[in-house]
């Protein structure tokens, strides 16, 4: 794990991101104390799909409120 000051992270943000893309985990320090950790995103498609399914299920259970019967032309009027 790499550490970097907040000032250095600010000055060299692009380089910091390149390190993270290559798998490095970077801890950002402010006045010598850790304030943030920047790490690569770990894709978890199963979790994302489960969240999407939960959202759709919840939306299907809710009653539509304030619905209007707009036509396509009305939506695109200028």
PDB file of N, CA and C in Angstrom:
ATOM      1  N   UNK A   1       0.847  -1.172   0.000  1.00  0.00           N
ATOM      2  CA  UNK A   1       0.000   0.000   0.000  1.00  0.00           C
ATOM      3  C   UNK A   1       0.895   1.238   0.000  1.00  0.00           C
ATOM      4  N   UNK A   2       0.505   2.209  -0.780  1.00  0.00           N
ATOM      5  CA  UNK A   2       1.259   3.436  -0.949  1.00  0.00           C
ATOM      6  C   UNK A   2       0.551   4.556  -0.177  1.00  0.00           C
ATOM      7  N   UNK A   3       1.303   5.493   0.385  1.00  0.00           N
ATOM      8  CA  UNK A   3       0.708   6.665   1.026  1.00  0.00           C
ATOM      9  C   UNK A   3       1.198   7.913   0.319  1.00  0.00           C
ATOM     10  N   UNK A   4       0.340   8.924   0.324  1.00  0.00           N
ATOM     11  CA  UNK A   4       0.659  10.182  -0.338  1.00  0.00           C
ATOM     12  C   UNK A   4      -0.049  11.306   0.409  1.00  0.00           C
ATOM     13  N   UNK A   5       0.569  12.473   0.477  1.00  0.00           N
ATOM     14  CA  UNK A   5      -0.074  13.609   1.142  1.00  0.00           C
ATOM     15  C   UNK A   5      -1.205  14.133   0.263  1.00  0.00           C
ATOM     16  N   UNK A   6      -2.133  14.815   0.877  1.00  0.00           N
ATOM     17  CA  UNK A   6      -3.255  15.382   0.127  1.00  0.00           C
ATOM     18  C   UNK A   6      -2.753  16.382  -0.909  1.00  0.00           C
ATOM     19  N   UNK A   7      -1.748  17.154  -0.550  1.00  0.00           N
ATOM     20  CA  UNK A   7      -1.193  18.133  -1.488  1.00  0.00           C
ATOM     21  C   UNK A   7      -0.573  17.430  -2.703  1.00  0.00           C
ATOM     22  N   UNK A   8       0.194  16.358  -2.460  1.00  0.00           N
ATOM     23  CA  UNK A   8       0.790  15.600  -3.563  1.00  0.00           C
ATOM     24  C   UNK A   8      -0.287  14.925  -4.410  1.00  0.00           C
ATOM     25  N   UNK A   9      -1.317  14.395  -3.753  1.00  0.00           N
ATOM     26  CA  UNK A   9      -2.419  13.757  -4.491  1.00  0.00           C
ATOM     27  C   UNK A   9      -3.084  14.781  -5.402  1.00  0.00           C
ATOM     28  N   UNK A  10      -3.236  15.981  -4.908  1.00  0.00           N
ATOM     29  CA  UNK A  10      -3.845  17.048  -5.702  1.00  0.00           C
ATOM     30  C   UNK A  10      -2.961  17.419  -6.895  1.00  0.00           C
ATOM     31  N   UNK A  11      -1.679  17.551  -6.649  1.00  0.00           N
ATOM     32  CA  UNK A  11      -0.752  17.945  -7.718  1.00  0.00           C
ATOM     33  C   UNK A  11      -0.551  16.861  -8.763  1.00  0.00           C
ATOM     34  N   UNK A  12      -0.616  15.611  -8.347  1.00  0.00           N
ATOM     35  CA  UNK A  12      -0.304  14.493  -9.247  1.00  0.00           C
ATOM     36  C   UNK A  12      -1.462  13.502  -9.335  1.00  0.00           C
ATOM     37  N   UNK A  13      -2.672  14.035  -9.457  1.00  0.00           N
ATOM     38  CA  UNK A  13      -3.850  13.171  -9.432  1.00  0.00           C
ATOM     39  C   UNK A  13      -3.860  12.168 -10.573  1.00  0.00           C
ATOM     40  N   UNK A  14      -3.468  12.572 -11.756  1.00  0.00           N
ATOM     41  CA  UNK A  14      -3.456  11.654 -12.898  1.00  0.00           C
ATOM     42  C   UNK A  14      -2.507  10.487 -12.641  1.00  0.00           C
ATOM     43  N   UNK A  15      -1.348  10.766 -12.085  1.00  0.00           N
ATOM     44  CA  UNK A  15      -0.384   9.700 -11.769  1.00  0.00           C
ATOM     45  C   UNK A  15      -0.957   8.785 -10.686  1.00  0.00           C
ATOM     46  N   UNK A  16      -1.632   9.364  -9.701  1.00  0.00           N
ATOM     47  CA  UNK A  16      -2.266   8.572  -8.643  1.00  0.00           C
ATOM     48  C   UNK A  16      -3.277   7.608  -9.260  1.00  0.00           C
ATOM     49  N   UNK A  17      -4.091   8.112 -10.184  1.00  0.00           N
ATOM     50  CA  UNK A  17      -5.085   7.247 -10.834  1.00  0.00           C
ATOM     51  C   UNK A  17      -4.425   6.146 -11.655  1.00  0.00           C
ATOM     52  N   UNK A  18      -3.313   6.453 -12.308  1.00  0.00           N
ATOM     53  CA  UNK A  18      -2.601   5.414 -13.068  1.00  0.00           C
ATOM     54  C   UNK A  18      -2.117   4.311 -12.128  1.00  0.00           C
ATOM     55  N   UNK A  19      -1.636   4.700 -10.946  1.00  0.00           N
ATOM     56  CA  UNK A  19      -1.206   3.697  -9.967  1.00  0.00           C
ATOM     57  C   UNK A  19      -2.384   2.831  -9.530  1.00  0.00           C
ATOM     58  N   UNK A  20      -3.520   3.462  -9.301  1.00  0.00           N
ATOM     59  CA  UNK A  20      -4.710   2.729  -8.856  1.00  0.00           C
ATOM     60  C   UNK A  20      -5.189   1.776  -9.950  1.00  0.00           C
ATOM     61  N   UNK A  21      -5.183   2.239 -11.180  1.00  0.00           N
ATOM     62  CA  UNK A  21      -5.602   1.384 -12.301  1.00  0.00           C
ATOM     63  C   UNK A  21      -4.719   0.147 -12.387  1.00  0.00           C
ATOM     64  N   UNK A  22      -3.447   0.302 -12.055  1.00  0.00           N
ATOM     65  CA  UNK A  22      -2.538  -0.843 -12.132  1.00  0.00           C
ATOM     66  C   UNK A  22      -2.643  -1.752 -10.904  1.00  0.00           C
ATOM     67  N   UNK A  23      -3.579  -1.430  -9.988  1.00  0.00           N
ATOM     68  CA  UNK A  23      -3.821  -2.313  -8.850  1.00  0.00           C
ATOM     69  C   UNK A  23      -3.343  -1.796  -7.512  1.00  0.00           C
ATOM     70  N   UNK A  24      -2.667  -0.666  -7.501  1.00  0.00           N
ATOM     71  CA  UNK A  24      -2.143  -0.086  -6.257  1.00  0.00           C
ATOM     72  C   UNK A  24      -3.277   0.495  -5.407  1.00  0.00           C
ATOM     73  N   UNK A  25      -3.171   0.329  -4.097  1.00  0.00           N
ATOM     74  CA  UNK A  25      -4.087   0.965  -3.157  1.00  0.00           C
ATOM     75  C   UNK A  25      -3.329   2.132  -2.546  1.00  0.00           C
ATOM     76  N   UNK A  26      -3.919   3.333  -2.591  1.00  0.00           N
ATOM     77  CA  UNK A  26      -3.234   4.532  -2.138  1.00  0.00           C
ATOM     78  C   UNK A  26      -4.012   5.146  -0.975  1.00  0.00           C
ATOM     79  N   UNK A  27      -3.292   5.427   0.131  1.00  0.00           N
ATOM     80  CA  UNK A  27      -3.890   6.114   1.269  1.00  0.00           C
ATOM     81  C   UNK A  27      -3.462   7.567   1.205  1.00  0.00           C
ATOM     82  N   UNK A  28      -4.431   8.468   1.305  1.00  0.00           N
ATOM     83  CA  UNK A  28      -4.170   9.898   1.255  1.00  0.00           C
ATOM     84  C   UNK A  28      -4.110  10.418   2.688  1.00  0.00           C
ATOM     85  N   UNK A  29      -3.028  11.153   2.985  1.00  0.00           N
ATOM     86  CA  UNK A  29      -2.829  11.693   4.322  1.00  0.00           C
ATOM     87  C   UNK A  29      -3.042  13.200   4.325  1.00  0.00           C
ATOM     88  N   UNK A  30      -3.670  13.693   5.371  1.00  0.00           N
ATOM     89  CA  UNK A  30      -3.790  15.131   5.593  1.00  0.00           C
ATOM     90  C   UNK A  30      -3.199  15.418   6.958  1.00  0.00           C
ATOM     91  N   UNK A  31      -2.134  16.199   6.972  1.00  0.00           N
ATOM     92  CA  UNK A  31      -1.414  16.502   8.210  1.00  0.00           C
ATOM     93  C   UNK A  31      -0.961  15.229   8.913  1.00  0.00           C
ATOM     94  N   UNK A  32      -0.562  14.262   8.104  1.00  0.00           N
ATOM     95  CA  UNK A  32      -0.026  13.024   8.637  1.00  0.00           C
ATOM     96  C   UNK A  32      -1.043  11.978   9.047  1.00  0.00           C
ATOM     97  N   UNK A  33      -2.330  12.304   8.930  1.00  0.00           N
ATOM     98  CA  UNK A  33      -3.374  11.361   9.323  1.00  0.00           C
ATOM     99  C   UNK A  33      -4.111  10.860   8.079  1.00  0.00           C
ATOM    100  N   UNK A  34      -4.416   9.566   8.017  1.00  0.00           N
ATOM    101  CA  UNK A  34      -5.140   9.030   6.856  1.00  0.00           C
ATOM    102  C   UNK A  34      -6.558   9.597   6.785  1.00  0.00           C
ATOM    103  N   UNK A  35      -6.923  10.090   5.598  1.00  0.00           N
ATOM    104  CA  UNK A  35      -8.269  10.647   5.403  1.00  0.00           C
ATOM    105  C   UNK A  35      -9.038   9.940   4.293  1.00  0.00           C
ATOM    106  N   UNK A  36      -8.331   9.221   3.432  1.00  0.00           N
ATOM    107  CA  UNK A  36      -9.016   8.547   2.325  1.00  0.00           C
ATOM    108  C   UNK A  36      -8.158   7.403   1.811  1.00  0.00           C
ATOM    109  N   UNK A  37      -8.830   6.425   1.253  1.00  0.00           N
ATOM    110  CA  UNK A  37      -8.157   5.327   0.581  1.00  0.00           C
ATOM    111  C   UNK A  37      -8.712   5.257  -0.836  1.00  0.00           C
ATOM    112  N   UNK A  38      -7.821   5.262  -1.795  1.00  0.00           N
ATOM    113  CA  UNK A  38      -8.221   5.158  -3.194  1.00  0.00           C
ATOM    114  C   UNK A  38      -7.773   3.780  -3.671  1.00  0.00           C
ATOM    115  N   UNK A  39      -8.743   2.997  -4.151  1.00  0.00           N
ATOM    116  CA  UNK A  39      -8.435   1.641  -4.583  1.00  0.00           C
ATOM    117  C   UNK A  39      -9.199   1.307  -5.854  1.00  0.00           C
ATOM    118  N   UNK A  40      -8.737   0.300  -6.577  1.00  0.00           N
ATOM    119  CA  UNK A  40      -9.437  -0.100  -7.799  1.00  0.00           C
ATOM    120  C   UNK A  40     -10.851  -0.577  -7.485  1.00  0.00           C
ATOM    121  N   UNK A  41     -11.751  -0.338  -8.395  1.00  0.00           N
ATOM    122  CA  UNK A  41     -13.124  -0.818  -8.260  1.00  0.00           C
ATOM    123  C   UNK A  41     -13.132  -2.310  -8.524  1.00  0.00           C
ATOM    124  N   UNK A  42     -13.818  -3.022  -7.686  1.00  0.00           N
ATOM    125  CA  UNK A  42     -13.957  -4.468  -7.883  1.00  0.00           C
ATOM    126  C   UNK A  42     -15.363  -4.721  -8.396  1.00  0.00           C
ATOM    127  N   UNK A  43     -15.446  -5.068  -9.643  1.00  0.00           N
ATOM    128  CA  UNK A  43     -16.754  -5.305 -10.254  1.00  0.00           C
ATOM    129  C   UNK A  43     -17.411  -6.530  -9.626  1.00  0.00           C
ATOM    130  N   UNK A  44     -18.662  -6.372  -9.267  1.00  0.00           N
ATOM    131  CA  UNK A  44     -19.437  -7.474  -8.704  1.00  0.00           C
ATOM    132  C   UNK A  44     -20.791  -7.476  -9.414  1.00  0.00           C
ATOM    133  N   UNK A  45     -20.844  -8.058 -10.623  1.00  0.00           N
ATOM    134  CA  UNK A  45     -22.081  -8.008 -11.396  1.00  0.00           C
ATOM    135  C   UNK A  45     -23.257  -8.662 -10.682  1.00  0.00           C
ATOM    136  N   UNK A  46     -23.008  -9.679  -9.882  1.00  0.00           N
ATOM    137  CA  UNK A  46     -24.103 -10.327  -9.158  1.00  0.00           C
ATOM    138  C   UNK A  46     -24.768  -9.374  -8.186  1.00  0.00           C
ATOM    139  N   UNK A  47     -23.965  -8.589  -7.495  1.00  0.00           N
ATOM    140  CA  UNK A  47     -24.505  -7.622  -6.530  1.00  0.00           C
ATOM    141  C   UNK A  47     -25.292  -6.530  -7.250  1.00  0.00           C
ATOM    142  N   UNK A  48     -24.757  -6.052  -8.371  1.00  0.00           N
ATOM    143  CA  UNK A  48     -25.439  -5.012  -9.142  1.00  0.00           C
ATOM    144  C   UNK A  48     -26.765  -5.535  -9.682  1.00  0.00           C
ATOM    145  N   UNK A  49     -26.767  -6.766 -10.205  1.00  0.00           N
ATOM    146  CA  UNK A  49     -27.995  -7.350 -10.724  1.00  0.00           C
ATOM    147  C   UNK A  49     -29.029  -7.544  -9.623  1.00  0.00           C
ATOM    148  N   UNK A  50     -28.572  -7.937  -8.429  1.00  0.00           N
ATOM    149  CA  UNK A  50     -29.490  -8.112  -7.301  1.00  0.00           C
ATOM    150  C   UNK A  50     -30.100  -6.770  -6.890  1.00  0.00           C
ATOM    151  N   UNK A  51     -29.287  -5.720  -6.869  1.00  0.00           N
ATOM    152  CA  UNK A  51     -29.786  -4.390  -6.513  1.00  0.00           C
ATOM    153  C   UNK A  51     -30.806  -3.907  -7.536  1.00  0.00           C
ATOM    154  N   UNK A  52     -30.527  -4.150  -8.813  1.00  0.00           N
ATOM    155  CA  UNK A  52     -31.464  -3.756  -9.874  1.00  0.00           C
ATOM    156  C   UNK A  52     -32.783  -4.503  -9.710  1.00  0.00           C
ATOM    157  N   UNK A  53     -32.712  -5.803  -9.431  1.00  0.00           N
ATOM    158  CA  UNK A  53     -33.921  -6.606  -9.232  1.00  0.00           C
ATOM    159  C   UNK A  53     -34.730  -6.121  -8.035  1.00  0.00           C
ATOM    160  N   UNK A  54     -34.043  -5.793  -6.938  1.00  0.00           N
ATOM    161  CA  UNK A  54     -34.743  -5.271  -5.760  1.00  0.00           C
ATOM    162  C   UNK A  54     -35.432  -3.954  -6.056  1.00  0.00           C
ATOM    163  N   UNK A  55     -34.760  -3.076  -6.789  1.00  0.00           N
ATOM    164  CA  UNK A  55     -35.348  -1.788  -7.141  1.00  0.00           C
ATOM    165  C   UNK A  55     -36.587  -1.978  -8.014  1.00  0.00           C
ATOM    166  N   UNK A  56     -36.486  -2.809  -9.037  1.00  0.00           N
ATOM    167  CA  UNK A  56     -37.622  -3.036  -9.926  1.00  0.00           C
ATOM    168  C   UNK A  56     -38.797  -3.654  -9.173  1.00  0.00           C
ATOM    169  N   UNK A  57     -38.521  -4.567  -8.288  1.00  0.00           N
ATOM    170  CA  UNK A  57     -39.593  -5.184  -7.491  1.00  0.00           C
ATOM    171  C   UNK A  57     -40.288  -4.134  -6.628  1.00  0.00           C
ATOM    172  N   UNK A  58     -39.504  -3.262  -5.989  1.00  0.00           N
ATOM    173  CA  UNK A  58     -40.090  -2.217  -5.152  1.00  0.00           C
ATOM    174  C   UNK A  58     -40.918  -1.240  -5.983  1.00  0.00           C
ATOM    175  N   UNK A  59     -40.422  -0.869  -7.161  1.00  0.00           N
ATOM    176  CA  UNK A  59     -41.159   0.056  -8.021  1.00  0.00           C
ATOM    177  C   UNK A  59     -42.465  -0.550  -8.517  1.00  0.00           C
ATOM    178  N   UNK A  60     -42.463  -1.845  -8.802  1.00  0.00           N
ATOM    179  CA  UNK A  60     -43.691  -2.505  -9.264  1.00  0.00           C
ATOM    180  C   UNK A  60     -44.754  -2.553  -8.173  1.00  0.00           C
ATOM    181  N   UNK A  61     -44.339  -2.554  -6.918  1.00  0.00           N
ATOM    182  CA  UNK A  61     -45.276  -2.615  -5.804  1.00  0.00           C
ATOM    183  C   UNK A  61     -45.877  -1.251  -5.481  1.00  0.00           C
ATOM    184  N   UNK A  62     -45.252  -0.171  -5.929  1.00  0.00           N
ATOM    185  CA  UNK A  62     -45.739   1.170  -5.639  1.00  0.00           C
ATOM    186  C   UNK A  62     -46.786   1.588  -6.659  1.00  0.00           C
ATOM    187  N   UNK A  63     -47.764   2.327  -6.175  1.00  0.00           N
ATOM    188  CA  UNK A  63     -48.801   2.847  -7.057  1.00  0.00           C
ATOM    189  C   UNK A  63     -48.266   4.096  -7.752  1.00  0.00           C
ATOM    190  N   UNK A  64     -48.571   4.231  -9.035  1.00  0.00           N
ATOM    191  CA  UNK A  64     -48.160   5.413  -9.778  1.00  0.00           C
ATOM    192  C   UNK A  64     -48.923   6.622  -9.256  1.00  0.00           C
ATOM    193  N   UNK A  65     -48.213   7.725  -9.075  1.00  0.00           N
ATOM    194  CA  UNK A  65     -48.822   8.934  -8.535  1.00  0.00           C
ATOM    195  C   UNK A  65     -48.678  10.052  -9.556  1.00  0.00           C
ATOM    196  N   UNK A  66     -49.755  10.794  -9.771  1.00  0.00           N
ATOM    197  CA  UNK A  66     -49.700  11.957 -10.652  1.00  0.00           C
ATOM    198  C   UNK A  66     -49.466  11.617 -12.107  1.00  0.00           C
ATOM    199  N   UNK A  67     -49.876  10.452 -12.523  1.00  0.00           N
ATOM    200  CA  UNK A  67     -49.663  10.042 -13.902  1.00  0.00           C
ATOM    201  C   UNK A  67     -50.504  10.848 -14.881  1.00  0.00           C
ATOM    202  N   UNK A  68     -49.950  11.119 -16.013  1.00  0.00           N
ATOM    203  CA  UNK A  68     -50.657  11.840 -17.073  1.00  0.00           C
ATOM    204  C   UNK A  68     -50.630  10.996 -18.331  1.00  0.00           C
ATOM    205  N   UNK A  69     -51.580  11.208 -19.175  1.00  0.00           N
ATOM    206  CA  UNK A  69     -51.633  10.498 -20.445  1.00  0.00           C
ATOM    207  C   UNK A  69     -51.133  11.432 -21.544  1.00  0.00           C
ATOM    208  N   UNK A  70     -49.815  11.615 -21.606  1.00  0.00           N
ATOM    209  CA  UNK A  70     -49.223  12.482 -22.603  1.00  0.00           C
ATOM    210  C   UNK A  70     -49.035  11.730 -23.907  1.00  0.00           C
ATOM    211  N   UNK A  71     -49.149  12.488 -24.984  1.00  0.00           N
ATOM    212  CA  UNK A  71     -48.839  11.922 -26.289  1.00  0.00           C
ATOM    213  C   UNK A  71     -47.365  12.214 -26.599  1.00  0.00           C
ATOM    214  N   UNK A  72     -46.846  11.503 -27.546  1.00  0.00           N
ATOM    215  CA  UNK A  72     -45.453  11.725 -27.937  1.00  0.00           C
ATOM    216  C   UNK A  72     -45.249  13.164 -28.404  1.00  0.00           C
ATOM    217  N   UNK A  73     -46.207  13.707 -29.157  1.00  0.00           N
ATOM    218  CA  UNK A  73     -46.077  15.067 -29.663  1.00  0.00           C
ATOM    219  C   UNK A  73     -46.036  16.073 -28.520  1.00  0.00           C
ATOM    220  N   UNK A  74     -46.846  15.849 -27.481  1.00  0.00           N
ATOM    221  CA  UNK A  74     -46.864  16.763 -26.342  1.00  0.00           C
ATOM    222  C   UNK A  74     -45.534  16.735 -25.589  1.00  0.00           C
ATOM    223  N   UNK A  75     -44.902  15.588 -25.535  1.00  0.00           N
ATOM    224  CA  UNK A  75     -43.624  15.487 -24.830  1.00  0.00           C
ATOM    225  C   UNK A  75     -42.533  16.282 -25.534  1.00  0.00           C
ATOM    226  N   UNK A  76     -42.602  16.349 -26.858  1.00  0.00           N
ATOM    227  CA  UNK A  76     -41.532  16.965 -27.619  1.00  0.00           C
ATOM    228  C   UNK A  76     -41.909  18.350 -28.167  1.00  0.00           C
ATOM    229  N   UNK A  77     -42.964  18.962 -27.628  1.00  0.00           N
ATOM    230  CA  UNK A  77     -43.307  20.326 -28.043  1.00  0.00           C
ATOM    231  C   UNK A  77     -42.260  21.282 -27.537  1.00  0.00           C
ATOM    232  N   UNK A  78     -41.968  22.285 -28.321  1.00  0.00           N
ATOM    233  CA  UNK A  78     -40.943  23.258 -27.941  1.00  0.00           C
ATOM    234  C   UNK A  78     -41.548  24.419 -27.328  1.00  0.00           C
TER     235      UNK A  78
END
